[in-house]
Amino acid sequence: MVLVPPDRLRPDQYGSAAHDYDAGCKAGKSQACSYLAFMYDNGLGVPRDIARAVSLSEHSCTAGIAYGCAYLGYLSQTGRGMPPDPARAARLFSQACNGGDASGCLLLGIMHKTGSGVAANAQYAAQLFGRACQGGESLACVSLGFMYANGEGLDRDEARAQQLFRTACAQQDPIGCQASSRLAKQQPVP
C-alpha cells in the first residue's frame, strides 16, 4: 500500500485516503496512523476528532515515525486536544527533525527564531531552516531568505537570499515569488 502524505491530496481524495490510512494503521503501519491523525484533526474525509488525532499522533511518534512526532508537536504547541506545552513541542519537533521530517525542522526553527517557548537562537534557526528547505519546505526557504536579506543572525547576503526565494517560488510559494521580485527591484523584504 502506497500512502500519499495528506498535504499532497486533492479534496476529492480525502475520503478514500482516510480509508486507506485507517486500513494501514489497523495493519500496523504507523506512518498511516500519523497521516490519519492529520485527517481527524482537520475533519478531512472523516469526522473531526481531536482526541483521536492526539492518540494516533502519540502512537506513531512512539513507534518512531518522524511525521507523527512533528504533528504531535504541533498539537502540543497549539494546545489542540491537550494543554499547550511549548517545551514538549520543541522536543517533539527536534525528534521529528532528527528523524528526517522537514516540517519538524521548520517548526523548531520558527521557535528558535522567535524565541517562542525556547531560547532565541538565530544561528540555530538558520541551520534548521536550511535543513527544512533542503527537505522541500518552501516556507523554510523563504524564512532563511529573509534572514540573509536582512542580516538577521547571519551575514547579509542578497545573492543567497535571492536563490532561496527563487527556490520557494519554484515550489509555487507566493511569498517566495513576491520576495524574489522585491529583492530584484532593490525593494526591502520584510
Protein backbone atom coordinates (compact mmCIF):
# COMPACT_ATOMS: atom_id res chain seq x y z
CA MET A 1 0.00 0.00 0.00
CA VAL A 2 1.46 3.31 -1.10
CA LEU A 3 0.32 6.14 1.12
CA VAL A 4 0.32 9.68 -0.22
CA PRO A 5 1.03 12.26 2.51
CA PRO A 6 -2.11 14.22 3.39
CA ASP A 7 -0.69 17.57 2.29
CA ARG A 8 -0.45 16.22 -1.27
CA LEU A 9 -4.08 15.19 -1.53
CA ARG A 10 -6.79 16.90 -3.51
CA PRO A 11 -10.13 17.38 -1.71
CA ASP A 12 -11.77 14.70 -3.84
CA GLN A 13 -9.22 12.19 -2.48
CA TYR A 14 -9.81 12.79 1.25
CA GLY A 15 -12.40 10.06 1.78
CA SER A 16 -10.50 7.28 0.04
CA ALA A 17 -7.19 8.35 1.58
CA ALA A 18 -8.69 8.36 5.09
CA HIS A 19 -9.98 4.83 4.40
CA ASP A 20 -6.52 3.71 3.21
CA TYR A 21 -4.80 5.36 6.18
CA ASP A 22 -7.23 3.66 8.56
CA ALA A 23 -6.65 0.26 6.95
CA GLY A 24 -2.89 0.76 7.07
CA CYS A 25 -2.98 1.89 10.67
CA LYS A 26 -5.03 -1.16 11.67
CA ALA A 27 -2.48 -3.33 9.80
CA GLY A 28 0.31 -1.93 11.99
CA LYS A 29 1.71 0.70 9.62
CA SER A 30 2.46 3.56 11.99
CA GLN A 31 3.08 6.02 9.14
CA ALA A 32 -0.55 5.53 8.14
CA CYS A 33 -1.60 6.30 11.73
CA SER A 34 0.31 9.58 11.61
CA TYR A 35 -1.42 10.60 8.38
CA LEU A 36 -4.79 9.57 9.78
CA ALA A 37 -4.15 11.86 12.77
CA PHE A 38 -3.94 14.81 10.38
CA MET A 39 -7.23 13.79 8.78
CA TYR A 40 -9.03 13.54 12.13
CA ASP A 41 -7.62 16.83 13.37
CA ASN A 42 -8.83 18.63 10.25
CA GLY A 43 -12.02 16.66 9.58
CA LEU A 44 -10.86 15.61 6.11
CA GLY A 45 -12.64 12.50 4.89
CA VAL A 46 -13.58 11.64 8.48
CA PRO A 47 -15.46 13.49 11.22
CA ARG A 48 -13.24 15.88 13.18
CA ASP A 49 -11.98 14.13 16.32
CA ILE A 50 -9.13 15.93 18.09
CA ALA A 51 -8.79 13.26 20.80
CA ARG A 52 -8.33 10.60 18.11
CA ALA A 53 -5.79 12.82 16.33
CA VAL A 54 -3.77 13.13 19.54
CA SER A 55 -3.95 9.39 20.22
CA LEU A 56 -2.86 8.48 16.68
CA SER A 57 -0.02 11.03 16.77
CA GLU A 58 1.21 9.70 20.11
CA HIS A 59 1.09 6.13 18.79
CA SER A 60 3.00 6.94 15.61
CA CYS A 61 5.59 9.10 17.40
CA THR A 62 6.21 6.36 19.96
CA ALA A 63 6.71 3.99 17.02
CA GLY A 64 9.45 6.30 15.71
CA ILE A 65 7.54 7.97 12.87
CA ALA A 66 9.00 11.45 12.39
CA TYR A 67 5.82 12.85 10.81
CA GLY A 68 3.84 11.66 13.85
CA CYS A 69 6.26 13.42 16.20
CA ALA A 70 6.04 16.63 14.17
CA TYR A 71 2.26 16.51 14.21
CA LEU A 72 2.15 15.73 17.92
CA GLY A 73 4.50 18.68 18.43
CA TYR A 74 2.11 20.91 16.51
CA LEU A 75 -0.83 19.72 18.62
CA SER A 76 1.19 20.31 21.78
CA GLN A 77 2.36 23.75 20.69
CA THR A 78 -1.12 24.93 19.75
CA GLY A 79 -2.94 23.23 22.62
CA ARG A 80 -5.17 21.20 20.32
CA GLY A 81 -6.56 18.32 22.38
CA MET A 82 -4.13 18.97 25.23
CA PRO A 83 -2.79 21.87 27.26
CA PRO A 84 -0.25 23.94 25.32
CA ASP A 85 3.30 22.88 26.14
CA PRO A 86 5.96 24.71 24.11
CA ALA A 87 8.84 22.81 25.75
CA ARG A 88 7.29 19.48 24.78
CA ALA A 89 6.56 20.80 21.30
CA ALA A 90 10.24 21.78 20.88
CA ARG A 91 11.37 18.29 21.98
CA LEU A 92 8.94 16.66 19.56
CA PHE A 93 9.93 18.95 16.68
CA SER A 94 13.59 18.14 17.39
CA GLN A 95 12.83 14.42 17.39
CA ALA A 96 10.94 14.81 14.09
CA CYS A 97 13.70 16.89 12.53
CA ASN A 98 16.37 14.40 13.59
CA GLY A 99 14.18 11.67 12.10
CA GLY A 100 14.16 13.39 8.71
CA ASP A 101 10.85 15.27 8.81
CA ALA A 102 11.39 18.69 7.21
CA SER A 103 8.30 20.19 8.85
CA GLY A 104 9.76 19.36 12.28
CA CYS A 105 12.92 21.29 11.34
CA LEU A 106 10.85 24.21 10.07
CA LEU A 107 8.66 24.43 13.17
CA LEU A 108 11.62 24.12 15.55
CA GLY A 109 13.41 26.79 13.50
CA ILE A 110 10.47 29.15 13.89
CA MET A 111 10.51 28.59 17.65
CA HIS A 112 14.23 29.41 17.84
CA LYS A 113 13.96 32.42 15.52
CA THR A 114 11.14 33.95 17.54
CA GLY A 115 12.17 32.72 20.99
CA SER A 116 8.72 31.17 21.39
CA GLY A 117 8.95 28.55 24.13
CA VAL A 118 12.73 28.19 23.71
CA ALA A 119 15.73 30.48 23.86
CA ALA A 120 16.02 32.65 20.77
CA ASN A 121 18.95 31.49 18.65
CA ALA A 122 19.07 32.92 15.13
CA GLN A 123 22.08 30.87 14.03
CA TYR A 124 20.43 27.61 15.07
CA ALA A 125 17.17 28.72 13.46
CA ALA A 126 19.08 29.33 10.21
CA GLN A 127 20.56 25.82 10.36
CA LEU A 128 17.12 24.33 10.91
CA PHE A 129 15.61 26.38 8.09
CA GLY A 130 18.43 25.18 5.82
CA ARG A 131 17.66 21.54 6.62
CA ALA A 132 13.93 22.08 6.12
CA CYS A 133 14.49 23.95 2.84
CA GLN A 134 16.60 21.07 1.55
CA GLY A 135 13.75 18.78 2.61
CA GLY A 136 11.28 20.66 0.40
CA GLU A 137 9.65 23.06 2.88
CA SER A 138 9.22 26.25 0.86
CA LEU A 139 8.39 28.33 3.96
CA ALA A 140 11.80 27.38 5.35
CA CYS A 141 13.47 28.61 2.16
CA VAL A 142 11.59 31.90 2.47
CA SER A 143 12.41 32.25 6.16
CA LEU A 144 16.10 31.62 5.58
CA GLY A 145 15.99 34.01 2.62
CA PHE A 146 14.58 36.75 4.84
CA MET A 147 17.36 36.14 7.35
CA TYR A 148 20.03 36.51 4.63
CA ALA A 149 18.31 39.51 3.02
CA ASN A 150 18.09 41.36 6.32
CA GLY A 151 21.25 40.11 8.03
CA GLU A 152 19.30 38.51 10.87
CA GLY A 153 21.77 36.34 12.75
CA LEU A 154 23.69 35.80 9.50
CA ASP A 155 25.88 37.97 7.34
CA ARG A 156 23.73 39.81 4.86
CA ASP A 157 23.86 38.02 1.50
CA GLU A 158 21.34 39.20 -1.07
CA ALA A 159 22.51 36.70 -3.70
CA ARG A 160 21.89 33.78 -1.34
CA ALA A 161 18.56 35.30 -0.30
CA GLN A 162 17.51 35.58 -3.94
CA GLN A 163 18.49 31.95 -4.56
CA LEU A 164 16.34 30.84 -1.61
CA PHE A 165 13.38 32.98 -2.68
CA ARG A 166 13.59 31.54 -6.20
CA THR A 167 13.69 28.01 -4.79
CA ALA A 168 10.50 28.73 -2.85
CA CYS A 169 8.88 30.39 -5.86
CA ALA A 170 9.65 27.33 -7.99
CA GLN A 171 7.66 25.35 -5.41
CA GLN A 172 4.67 27.65 -6.06
CA ASP A 173 5.18 29.61 -2.83
CA PRO A 174 3.63 33.07 -3.42
CA ILE A 175 5.62 34.69 -0.60
CA GLY A 176 8.86 33.41 -2.13
CA CYS A 177 7.82 34.79 -5.53
CA GLN A 178 6.92 38.17 -4.05
CA ALA A 179 10.16 38.38 -2.05
CA SER A 180 12.21 37.45 -5.12
CA SER A 181 10.52 40.19 -7.13
CA ARG A 182 11.00 42.79 -4.39
CA LEU A 183 14.65 41.91 -3.92
CA ALA A 184 15.26 42.05 -7.70
CA LYS A 185 13.83 45.60 -7.68
CA GLN A 186 16.08 46.51 -4.73
CA GLN A 187 12.99 46.95 -2.52
CA PRO A 188 13.18 45.92 1.14
CA VAL A 189 11.87 42.49 2.05
CA PRO A 190 10.15 42.07 5.42
